[in-house]
């Protein structure tokens, strides 16, 4: 079930990203580390992605910079003026 919501959130983020592609994304978290060879970043603890009026909060995320994709885990919430998931 969580993969379903993760996929849905990812689709919404991509859709929102296309609509506001000119706005930068601000990302914060308690712990941040990465794998420079694989170009993957890991964030944990009160992770927050903000792009314009879209906000995603979660406890854990893995961001693949080559694929420009993210996998969100644990307490994922997407908030946008028109929808909250």
PDB file of N, CA and C in Angstrom:
ATOM      1  N   UNK A   1       0.824  -1.189   0.000  1.00  0.00           N
ATOM      2  CA  UNK A   1       0.000   0.000   0.000  1.00  0.00           C
ATOM      3  C   UNK A   1       0.870   1.255   0.000  1.00  0.00           C
ATOM      4  N   UNK A   2       1.988   1.253   0.754  1.00  0.00           N
ATOM      5  CA  UNK A   2       2.828   2.453   0.815  1.00  0.00           C
ATOM      6  C   UNK A   2       3.497   2.738  -0.528  1.00  0.00           C
ATOM      7  N   UNK A   3       3.772   1.706  -1.324  1.00  0.00           N
ATOM      8  CA  UNK A   3       4.345   1.929  -2.657  1.00  0.00           C
ATOM      9  C   UNK A   3       3.341   2.670  -3.542  1.00  0.00           C
ATOM     10  N   UNK A   4       2.053   2.341  -3.376  1.00  0.00           N
ATOM     11  CA  UNK A   4       1.010   3.023  -4.137  1.00  0.00           C
ATOM     12  C   UNK A   4       1.032   4.508  -3.825  1.00  0.00           C
ATOM     13  N   UNK A   5       1.031   4.859  -2.546  1.00  0.00           N
ATOM     14  CA  UNK A   5       1.027   6.273  -2.155  1.00  0.00           C
ATOM     15  C   UNK A   5       2.327   6.952  -2.557  1.00  0.00           C
ATOM     16  N   UNK A   6       3.449   6.234  -2.433  1.00  0.00           N
ATOM     17  CA  UNK A   6       4.722   6.809  -2.861  1.00  0.00           C
ATOM     18  C   UNK A   6       4.717   7.122  -4.343  1.00  0.00           C
ATOM     19  N   UNK A   7       4.155   6.199  -5.147  1.00  0.00           N
ATOM     20  CA  UNK A   7       4.054   6.434  -6.586  1.00  0.00           C
ATOM     21  C   UNK A   7       3.133   7.585  -6.909  1.00  0.00           C
ATOM     22  N   UNK A   8       2.002   7.660  -6.185  1.00  0.00           N
ATOM     23  CA  UNK A   8       1.057   8.752  -6.396  1.00  0.00           C
ATOM     24  C   UNK A   8       1.685  10.096  -6.045  1.00  0.00           C
ATOM     25  N   UNK A   9       2.389  10.127  -4.921  1.00  0.00           N
ATOM     26  CA  UNK A   9       3.055  11.369  -4.518  1.00  0.00           C
ATOM     27  C   UNK A   9       4.093  11.761  -5.555  1.00  0.00           C
ATOM     28  N   UNK A  10       4.847  10.782  -6.057  1.00  0.00           N
ATOM     29  CA  UNK A  10       5.865  11.073  -7.065  1.00  0.00           C
ATOM     30  C   UNK A  10       5.228  11.665  -8.323  1.00  0.00           C
ATOM     31  N   UNK A  11       4.121  11.089  -8.768  1.00  0.00           N
ATOM     32  CA  UNK A  11       3.430  11.602  -9.954  1.00  0.00           C
ATOM     33  C   UNK A  11       2.952  13.028  -9.718  1.00  0.00           C
ATOM     34  N   UNK A  12       2.404  13.279  -8.540  1.00  0.00           N
ATOM     35  CA  UNK A  12       1.935  14.631  -8.233  1.00  0.00           C
ATOM     36  C   UNK A  12       3.091  15.623  -8.172  1.00  0.00           C
ATOM     37  N   UNK A  13       4.205  15.191  -7.633  1.00  0.00           N
ATOM     38  CA  UNK A  13       5.372  16.072  -7.557  1.00  0.00           C
ATOM     39  C   UNK A  13       5.876  16.406  -8.953  1.00  0.00           C
ATOM     40  N   UNK A  14       5.948  15.401  -9.807  1.00  0.00           N
ATOM     41  CA  UNK A  14       6.400  15.641 -11.177  1.00  0.00           C
ATOM     42  C   UNK A  14       5.439  16.594 -11.884  1.00  0.00           C
ATOM     43  N   UNK A  15       4.129  16.361 -11.719  1.00  0.00           N
ATOM     44  CA  UNK A  15       3.131  17.224 -12.336  1.00  0.00           C
ATOM     45  C   UNK A  15       3.261  18.647 -11.817  1.00  0.00           C
ATOM     46  N   UNK A  16       3.380  18.787 -10.507  1.00  0.00           N
ATOM     47  CA  UNK A  16       3.535  20.115  -9.917  1.00  0.00           C
ATOM     48  C   UNK A  16       4.853  20.739 -10.371  1.00  0.00           C
ATOM     49  N   UNK A  17       5.883  19.915 -10.496  1.00  0.00           N
ATOM     50  CA  UNK A  17       7.185  20.408 -10.935  1.00  0.00           C
ATOM     51  C   UNK A  17       7.157  20.951 -12.341  1.00  0.00           C
ATOM     52  N   UNK A  18       6.397  20.308 -13.211  1.00  0.00           N
ATOM     53  CA  UNK A  18       6.273  20.794 -14.583  1.00  0.00           C
ATOM     54  C   UNK A  18       5.563  22.141 -14.602  1.00  0.00           C
ATOM     55  N   UNK A  19       4.539  22.274 -13.757  1.00  0.00           N
ATOM     56  CA  UNK A  19       3.759  23.510 -13.727  1.00  0.00           C
ATOM     57  C   UNK A  19       4.565  24.685 -13.199  1.00  0.00           C
ATOM     58  N   UNK A  20       5.475  24.423 -12.273  1.00  0.00           N
ATOM     59  CA  UNK A  20       6.251  25.513 -11.677  1.00  0.00           C
ATOM     60  C   UNK A  20       7.744  25.250 -11.838  1.00  0.00           C
ATOM     61  N   UNK A  21       8.142  24.788 -13.006  1.00  0.00           N
ATOM     62  CA  UNK A  21       9.528  24.390 -13.251  1.00  0.00           C
ATOM     63  C   UNK A  21      10.528  25.513 -13.014  1.00  0.00           C
ATOM     64  N   UNK A  22      10.079  26.742 -13.096  1.00  0.00           N
ATOM     65  CA  UNK A  22      11.006  27.849 -12.911  1.00  0.00           C
ATOM     66  C   UNK A  22      11.307  28.122 -11.438  1.00  0.00           C
ATOM     67  N   UNK A  23      10.527  27.551 -10.529  1.00  0.00           N
ATOM     68  CA  UNK A  23      10.752  27.767  -9.105  1.00  0.00           C
ATOM     69  C   UNK A  23      11.740  26.731  -8.568  1.00  0.00           C
ATOM     70  N   UNK A  24      12.654  27.159  -7.726  1.00  0.00           N
ATOM     71  CA  UNK A  24      13.624  26.232  -7.171  1.00  0.00           C
ATOM     72  C   UNK A  24      13.013  25.428  -6.034  1.00  0.00           C
ATOM     73  N   UNK A  25      13.642  24.286  -5.742  1.00  0.00           N
ATOM     74  CA  UNK A  25      13.199  23.404  -4.677  1.00  0.00           C
ATOM     75  C   UNK A  25      14.127  23.585  -3.481  1.00  0.00           C
ATOM     76  N   UNK A  26      13.544  23.840  -2.319  1.00  0.00           N
ATOM     77  CA  UNK A  26      14.308  23.956  -1.082  1.00  0.00           C
ATOM     78  C   UNK A  26      14.097  22.667  -0.294  1.00  0.00           C
ATOM     79  N   UNK A  27      15.196  22.025   0.154  1.00  0.00           N
ATOM     80  CA  UNK A  27      15.116  20.747   0.857  1.00  0.00           C
ATOM     81  C   UNK A  27      15.858  20.851   2.182  1.00  0.00           C
ATOM     82  N   UNK A  28      15.215  20.382   3.256  1.00  0.00           N
ATOM     83  CA  UNK A  28      15.858  20.350   4.568  1.00  0.00           C
ATOM     84  C   UNK A  28      15.611  18.994   5.221  1.00  0.00           C
ATOM     85  N   UNK A  29      16.503  18.614   6.131  1.00  0.00           N
ATOM     86  CA  UNK A  29      16.375  17.372   6.883  1.00  0.00           C
ATOM     87  C   UNK A  29      17.410  17.338   7.979  1.00  0.00           C
ATOM     88  N   UNK A  30      17.195  16.502   8.986  1.00  0.00           N
ATOM     89  CA  UNK A  30      18.141  16.409  10.103  1.00  0.00           C
ATOM     90  C   UNK A  30      19.452  15.755   9.671  1.00  0.00           C
ATOM     91  N   UNK A  31      19.353  14.686   8.867  1.00  0.00           N
ATOM     92  CA  UNK A  31      20.545  13.976   8.400  1.00  0.00           C
ATOM     93  C   UNK A  31      20.531  13.911   6.882  1.00  0.00           C
ATOM     94  N   UNK A  32      21.664  14.258   6.269  1.00  0.00           N
ATOM     95  CA  UNK A  32      21.789  14.226   4.814  1.00  0.00           C
ATOM     96  C   UNK A  32      23.135  13.598   4.471  1.00  0.00           C
ATOM     97  N   UNK A  33      23.119  12.599   3.582  1.00  0.00           N
ATOM     98  CA  UNK A  33      24.363  12.009   3.100  1.00  0.00           C
ATOM     99  C   UNK A  33      24.115  11.481   1.695  1.00  0.00           C
ATOM    100  N   UNK A  34      25.178  11.092   1.007  1.00  0.00           N
ATOM    101  CA  UNK A  34      24.985  10.652  -0.367  1.00  0.00           C
ATOM    102  C   UNK A  34      26.059   9.718  -0.864  1.00  0.00           C
ATOM    103  N   UNK A  35      25.817   9.164  -2.032  1.00  0.00           N
ATOM    104  CA  UNK A  35      26.740   8.308  -2.753  1.00  0.00           C
ATOM    105  C   UNK A  35      27.095   9.055  -4.033  1.00  0.00           C
ATOM    106  N   UNK A  36      28.300   9.609  -4.090  1.00  0.00           N
ATOM    107  CA  UNK A  36      28.684  10.449  -5.228  1.00  0.00           C
ATOM    108  C   UNK A  36      28.834   9.655  -6.525  1.00  0.00           C
ATOM    109  N   UNK A  37      29.217   8.381  -6.439  1.00  0.00           N
ATOM    110  CA  UNK A  37      29.356   7.562  -7.643  1.00  0.00           C
ATOM    111  C   UNK A  37      27.994   7.246  -8.263  1.00  0.00           C
ATOM    112  N   UNK A  38      27.022   6.904  -7.421  1.00  0.00           N
ATOM    113  CA  UNK A  38      25.685   6.575  -7.908  1.00  0.00           C
ATOM    114  C   UNK A  38      24.800   7.810  -8.049  1.00  0.00           C
ATOM    115  N   UNK A  39      25.274   8.952  -7.549  1.00  0.00           N
ATOM    116  CA  UNK A  39      24.521  10.212  -7.564  1.00  0.00           C
ATOM    117  C   UNK A  39      23.161  10.061  -6.875  1.00  0.00           C
ATOM    118  N   UNK A  40      23.214   9.496  -5.658  1.00  0.00           N
ATOM    119  CA  UNK A  40      22.005   9.314  -4.857  1.00  0.00           C
ATOM    120  C   UNK A  40      22.200  10.018  -3.527  1.00  0.00           C
ATOM    121  N   UNK A  41      21.215  10.815  -3.120  1.00  0.00           N
ATOM    122  CA  UNK A  41      21.220  11.489  -1.826  1.00  0.00           C
ATOM    123  C   UNK A  41      20.190  10.840  -0.918  1.00  0.00           C
ATOM    124  N   UNK A  42      20.512  10.774   0.378  1.00  0.00           N
ATOM    125  CA  UNK A  42      19.619  10.215   1.380  1.00  0.00           C
ATOM    126  C   UNK A  42      19.354  11.287   2.431  1.00  0.00           C
ATOM    127  N   UNK A  43      18.104  11.450   2.819  1.00  0.00           N
ATOM    128  CA  UNK A  43      17.734  12.417   3.853  1.00  0.00           C
ATOM    129  C   UNK A  43      16.832  11.717   4.855  1.00  0.00           C
ATOM    130  N   UNK A  44      17.026  12.030   6.151  1.00  0.00           N
ATOM    131  CA  UNK A  44      16.190  11.457   7.194  1.00  0.00           C
ATOM    132  C   UNK A  44      15.891  12.499   8.254  1.00  0.00           C
ATOM    133  N   UNK A  45      14.748  12.343   8.902  1.00  0.00           N
ATOM    134  CA  UNK A  45      14.389  13.174  10.042  1.00  0.00           C
ATOM    135  C   UNK A  45      13.816  14.524   9.651  1.00  0.00           C
ATOM    136  N   UNK A  46      12.515  14.663   9.774  1.00  0.00           N
ATOM    137  CA  UNK A  46      11.826  15.927   9.466  1.00  0.00           C
ATOM    138  C   UNK A  46      12.231  16.497   8.107  1.00  0.00           C
ATOM    139  N   UNK A  47      12.194  15.657   7.089  1.00  0.00           N
ATOM    140  CA  UNK A  47      12.554  16.077   5.729  1.00  0.00           C
ATOM    141  C   UNK A  47      11.417  16.931   5.167  1.00  0.00           C
ATOM    142  N   UNK A  48      11.801  18.010   4.503  1.00  0.00           N
ATOM    143  CA  UNK A  48      10.811  18.948   3.967  1.00  0.00           C
ATOM    144  C   UNK A  48      11.275  19.433   2.594  1.00  0.00           C
ATOM    145  N   UNK A  49      10.446  19.187   1.567  1.00  0.00           N
ATOM    146  CA  UNK A  49      10.670  19.681   0.214  1.00  0.00           C
ATOM    147  C   UNK A  49       9.668  20.798  -0.030  1.00  0.00           C
ATOM    148  N   UNK A  50      10.145  21.962  -0.476  1.00  0.00           N
ATOM    149  CA  UNK A  50       9.245  23.083  -0.755  1.00  0.00           C
ATOM    150  C   UNK A  50       9.557  23.610  -2.153  1.00  0.00           C
ATOM    151  N   UNK A  51       8.523  23.674  -2.986  1.00  0.00           N
ATOM    152  CA  UNK A  51       8.647  24.281  -4.309  1.00  0.00           C
ATOM    153  C   UNK A  51       7.387  25.112  -4.518  1.00  0.00           C
ATOM    154  N   UNK A  52       7.558  26.411  -4.469  1.00  0.00           N
ATOM    155  CA  UNK A  52       6.404  27.303  -4.580  1.00  0.00           C
ATOM    156  C   UNK A  52       5.440  27.046  -3.441  1.00  0.00           C
ATOM    157  N   UNK A  53       4.199  26.738  -3.765  1.00  0.00           N
ATOM    158  CA  UNK A  53       3.195  26.477  -2.735  1.00  0.00           C
ATOM    159  C   UNK A  53       3.016  24.987  -2.466  1.00  0.00           C
ATOM    160  N   UNK A  54       3.860  24.146  -3.064  1.00  0.00           N
ATOM    161  CA  UNK A  54       3.803  22.701  -2.833  1.00  0.00           C
ATOM    162  C   UNK A  54       4.828  22.321  -1.772  1.00  0.00           C
ATOM    163  N   UNK A  55       4.373  21.581  -0.748  1.00  0.00           N
ATOM    164  CA  UNK A  55       5.244  21.148   0.343  1.00  0.00           C
ATOM    165  C   UNK A  55       5.077  19.647   0.544  1.00  0.00           C
ATOM    166  N   UNK A  56       6.199  18.924   0.590  1.00  0.00           N
ATOM    167  CA  UNK A  56       6.182  17.498   0.913  1.00  0.00           C
ATOM    168  C   UNK A  56       6.988  17.322   2.188  1.00  0.00           C
ATOM    169  N   UNK A  57       6.390  16.659   3.169  1.00  0.00           N
ATOM    170  CA  UNK A  57       7.104  16.330   4.401  1.00  0.00           C
ATOM    171  C   UNK A  57       7.142  14.812   4.536  1.00  0.00           C
ATOM    172  N   UNK A  58       8.219  14.305   5.104  1.00  0.00           N
ATOM    173  CA  UNK A  58       8.408  12.866   5.285  1.00  0.00           C
ATOM    174  C   UNK A  58       9.499  12.640   6.322  1.00  0.00           C
ATOM    175  N   UNK A  59       9.679  11.406   6.712  1.00  0.00           N
ATOM    176  CA  UNK A  59      10.750  11.074   7.648  1.00  0.00           C
ATOM    177  C   UNK A  59      11.998  10.562   6.935  1.00  0.00           C
ATOM    178  N   UNK A  60      11.813  10.055   5.689  1.00  0.00           N
ATOM    179  CA  UNK A  60      12.943   9.445   4.988  1.00  0.00           C
ATOM    180  C   UNK A  60      12.723   9.553   3.484  1.00  0.00           C
ATOM    181  N   UNK A  61      13.780   9.896   2.729  1.00  0.00           N
ATOM    182  CA  UNK A  61      13.680   9.973   1.268  1.00  0.00           C
ATOM    183  C   UNK A  61      15.021   9.629   0.636  1.00  0.00           C
ATOM    184  N   UNK A  62      14.943   9.024  -0.534  1.00  0.00           N
ATOM    185  CA  UNK A  62      16.116   8.714  -1.341  1.00  0.00           C
ATOM    186  C   UNK A  62      15.932   9.423  -2.675  1.00  0.00           C
ATOM    187  N   UNK A  63      16.898  10.270  -3.059  1.00  0.00           N
ATOM    188  CA  UNK A  63      16.788  11.063  -4.281  1.00  0.00           C
ATOM    189  C   UNK A  63      17.856  10.607  -5.273  1.00  0.00           C
ATOM    190  N   UNK A  64      17.420  10.165  -6.446  1.00  0.00           N
ATOM    191  CA  UNK A  64      18.314   9.750  -7.521  1.00  0.00           C
ATOM    192  C   UNK A  64      18.473  10.940  -8.459  1.00  0.00           C
ATOM    193  N   UNK A  65      19.646  11.546  -8.464  1.00  0.00           N
ATOM    194  CA  UNK A  65      19.879  12.755  -9.248  1.00  0.00           C
ATOM    195  C   UNK A  65      19.933  12.484 -10.746  1.00  0.00           C
ATOM    196  N   UNK A  66      20.423  11.300 -11.156  1.00  0.00           N
ATOM    197  CA  UNK A  66      20.466  10.956 -12.586  1.00  0.00           C
ATOM    198  C   UNK A  66      19.063  10.773 -13.148  1.00  0.00           C
ATOM    199  N   UNK A  67      18.240  10.047 -12.432  1.00  0.00           N
ATOM    200  CA  UNK A  67      16.877   9.776 -12.896  1.00  0.00           C
ATOM    201  C   UNK A  67      15.900  10.890 -12.557  1.00  0.00           C
ATOM    202  N   UNK A  68      16.351  11.832 -11.726  1.00  0.00           N
ATOM    203  CA  UNK A  68      15.495  12.926 -11.254  1.00  0.00           C
ATOM    204  C   UNK A  68      14.212  12.369 -10.634  1.00  0.00           C
ATOM    205  N   UNK A  69      14.426  11.416  -9.702  1.00  0.00           N
ATOM    206  CA  UNK A  69      13.295  10.786  -9.028  1.00  0.00           C
ATOM    207  C   UNK A  69      13.575  10.712  -7.530  1.00  0.00           C
ATOM    208  N   UNK A  70      12.508  10.530  -6.770  1.00  0.00           N
ATOM    209  CA  UNK A  70      12.637  10.427  -5.322  1.00  0.00           C
ATOM    210  C   UNK A  70      11.687   9.353  -4.811  1.00  0.00           C
ATOM    211  N   UNK A  71      12.143   8.618  -3.786  1.00  0.00           N
ATOM    212  CA  UNK A  71      11.313   7.621  -3.123  1.00  0.00           C
ATOM    213  C   UNK A  71      11.125   8.094  -1.686  1.00  0.00           C
ATOM    214  N   UNK A  72       9.878   8.407  -1.334  1.00  0.00           N
ATOM    215  CA  UNK A  72       9.545   8.913  -0.009  1.00  0.00           C
ATOM    216  C   UNK A  72       9.045   7.766   0.862  1.00  0.00           C
ATOM    217  N   UNK A  73       9.472   7.750   2.156  1.00  0.00           N
ATOM    218  CA  UNK A  73       9.060   6.707   3.091  1.00  0.00           C
ATOM    219  C   UNK A  73       8.666   7.335   4.423  1.00  0.00           C
ATOM    220  N   UNK A  74       7.761   6.700   5.121  1.00  0.00           N
ATOM    221  CA  UNK A  74       7.369   7.042   6.490  1.00  0.00           C
ATOM    222  C   UNK A  74       6.736   8.430   6.620  1.00  0.00           C
ATOM    223  N   UNK A  75       5.468   8.450   6.936  1.00  0.00           N
ATOM    224  CA  UNK A  75       4.731   9.678   7.236  1.00  0.00           C
ATOM    225  C   UNK A  75       4.820  10.716   6.108  1.00  0.00           C
ATOM    226  N   UNK A  76       4.557  10.283   4.888  1.00  0.00           N
ATOM    227  CA  UNK A  76       4.631  11.178   3.737  1.00  0.00           C
ATOM    228  C   UNK A  76       3.355  12.010   3.652  1.00  0.00           C
ATOM    229  N   UNK A  77       3.525  13.323   3.479  1.00  0.00           N
ATOM    230  CA  UNK A  77       2.384  14.224   3.337  1.00  0.00           C
ATOM    231  C   UNK A  77       2.712  15.264   2.274  1.00  0.00           C
ATOM    232  N   UNK A  78       1.819  15.390   1.280  1.00  0.00           N
ATOM    233  CA  UNK A  78       1.959  16.396   0.248  1.00  0.00           C
ATOM    234  C   UNK A  78       0.871  17.433   0.468  1.00  0.00           C
ATOM    235  N   UNK A  79       1.260  18.687   0.523  1.00  0.00           N
ATOM    236  CA  UNK A  79       0.302  19.776   0.694  1.00  0.00           C
ATOM    237  C   UNK A  79       0.465  20.766  -0.456  1.00  0.00           C
ATOM    238  N   UNK A  80      -0.662  21.080  -1.073  1.00  0.00           N
ATOM    239  CA  UNK A  80      -0.715  22.028  -2.177  1.00  0.00           C
ATOM    240  C   UNK A  80      -2.019  22.804  -1.984  1.00  0.00           C
ATOM    241  N   UNK A  81      -2.106  24.050  -2.444  1.00  0.00           N
ATOM    242  CA  UNK A  81      -3.332  24.812  -2.226  1.00  0.00           C
ATOM    243  C   UNK A  81      -4.613  24.087  -2.667  1.00  0.00           C
ATOM    244  N   UNK A  82      -4.513  23.210  -3.665  1.00  0.00           N
ATOM    245  CA  UNK A  82      -5.698  22.534  -4.167  1.00  0.00           C
ATOM    246  C   UNK A  82      -5.914  21.129  -3.611  1.00  0.00           C
ATOM    247  N   UNK A  83      -4.884  20.543  -2.953  1.00  0.00           N
ATOM    248  CA  UNK A  83      -5.015  19.175  -2.467  1.00  0.00           C
ATOM    249  C   UNK A  83      -4.028  18.904  -1.340  1.00  0.00           C
ATOM    250  N   UNK A  84      -4.417  18.011  -0.427  1.00  0.00           N
ATOM    251  CA  UNK A  84      -3.503  17.492   0.592  1.00  0.00           C
ATOM    252  C   UNK A  84      -3.621  15.988   0.578  1.00  0.00           C
ATOM    253  N   UNK A  85      -2.462  15.309   0.488  1.00  0.00           N
ATOM    254  CA  UNK A  85      -2.454  13.846   0.467  1.00  0.00           C
ATOM    255  C   UNK A  85      -1.589  13.359   1.623  1.00  0.00           C
TER     256      UNK A  85
END
